[in-house]
Amino acid sequence: MAAINERMTTGTLHIDNRESGIFAEMVAFFRQFIVAAFNPYRPELHYMRGPGPAWRAKHGQPTR
């Protein structure tokens, strides 16, 4: 209990290397998760979905 009180009165939080490594890994994971979850790039919106009207006119295919 004395160690907790000393840490609280000094105003600094000391974390040993093992805990800081785990904490850093968790922070990195959540940062990557947020970036991936809210990435505005959606490649399926940019794919060509088949021949367009110019191709149909050139090759004599009926329009849909």
Protein backbone atom coordinates (compact mmCIF):
# COMPACT_ATOMS: atom_id res chain seq x y z
CA MET A 1 0.00 0.00 0.00
CA ALA A 2 2.90 2.33 0.68
CA ALA A 3 4.16 1.97 -2.90
CA ILE A 4 0.78 2.98 -4.29
CA ASN A 5 0.62 6.04 -2.06
CA GLU A 6 4.15 7.09 -3.00
CA ARG A 7 3.32 6.82 -6.69
CA MET A 8 0.15 8.81 -6.27
CA THR A 9 1.87 11.62 -4.39
CA THR A 10 4.75 11.98 -6.87
CA GLY A 11 2.37 12.49 -9.79
CA THR A 12 4.22 10.08 -12.06
CA LEU A 13 3.17 6.62 -13.01
CA HIS A 14 5.94 4.06 -13.19
CA ILE A 15 5.29 0.96 -15.25
CA ASP A 16 7.93 -1.73 -15.53
CA ASN A 17 9.20 -2.81 -18.96
CA ARG A 18 7.03 -5.91 -19.19
CA GLU A 19 3.83 -3.98 -18.52
CA SER A 20 4.78 -1.14 -20.83
CA GLY A 21 5.45 -3.66 -23.61
CA ILE A 22 2.01 -5.19 -23.19
CA PHE A 23 0.43 -1.75 -22.98
CA ALA A 24 2.30 -0.60 -26.10
CA GLU A 25 1.13 -3.71 -27.97
CA MET A 26 -2.46 -3.07 -26.94
CA VAL A 27 -2.26 0.56 -28.03
CA ALA A 28 -0.75 -0.45 -31.38
CA PHE A 29 -3.46 -3.08 -31.90
CA PHE A 30 -6.29 -0.66 -31.21
CA ARG A 31 -4.76 2.02 -33.42
CA GLN A 32 -4.51 -0.44 -36.30
CA PHE A 33 -8.05 -1.64 -35.62
CA ILE A 34 -9.47 1.90 -35.70
CA VAL A 35 -7.61 2.71 -38.92
CA ALA A 36 -8.85 -0.49 -40.58
CA ALA A 37 -12.41 -0.17 -39.29
CA PHE A 38 -12.87 3.43 -40.39
CA ASN A 39 -10.82 3.40 -43.59
CA PRO A 40 -12.78 5.44 -46.16
CA TYR A 41 -11.25 3.64 -49.17
CA ARG A 42 -13.64 1.06 -50.57
CA PRO A 43 -12.15 -0.51 -53.70
CA GLU A 44 -15.40 -2.23 -54.67
CA LEU A 45 -16.80 1.20 -55.52
CA HIS A 46 -14.08 1.73 -58.13
CA TYR A 47 -14.19 -1.58 -59.95
CA MET A 48 -15.48 -1.67 -63.49
CA ARG A 49 -18.69 -3.66 -63.47
CA GLY A 50 -18.69 -4.90 -67.04
CA PRO A 51 -18.78 -3.39 -70.49
CA GLY A 52 -20.10 0.12 -70.77
CA PRO A 53 -22.31 1.74 -73.41
CA ALA A 54 -19.37 2.56 -75.72
CA TRP A 55 -18.33 -1.11 -75.86
CA ARG A 56 -21.92 -2.20 -76.51
CA ALA A 57 -22.29 0.33 -79.34
CA LYS A 58 -19.03 -0.79 -80.94
CA HIS A 59 -19.75 -4.53 -80.69
CA GLY A 60 -23.46 -4.40 -81.46
CA GLN A 61 -24.61 -5.73 -78.11
CA PRO A 62 -28.07 -4.67 -76.90
CA THR A 63 -28.29 -2.47 -73.85
CA ARG A 64 -29.63 -3.94 -70.67
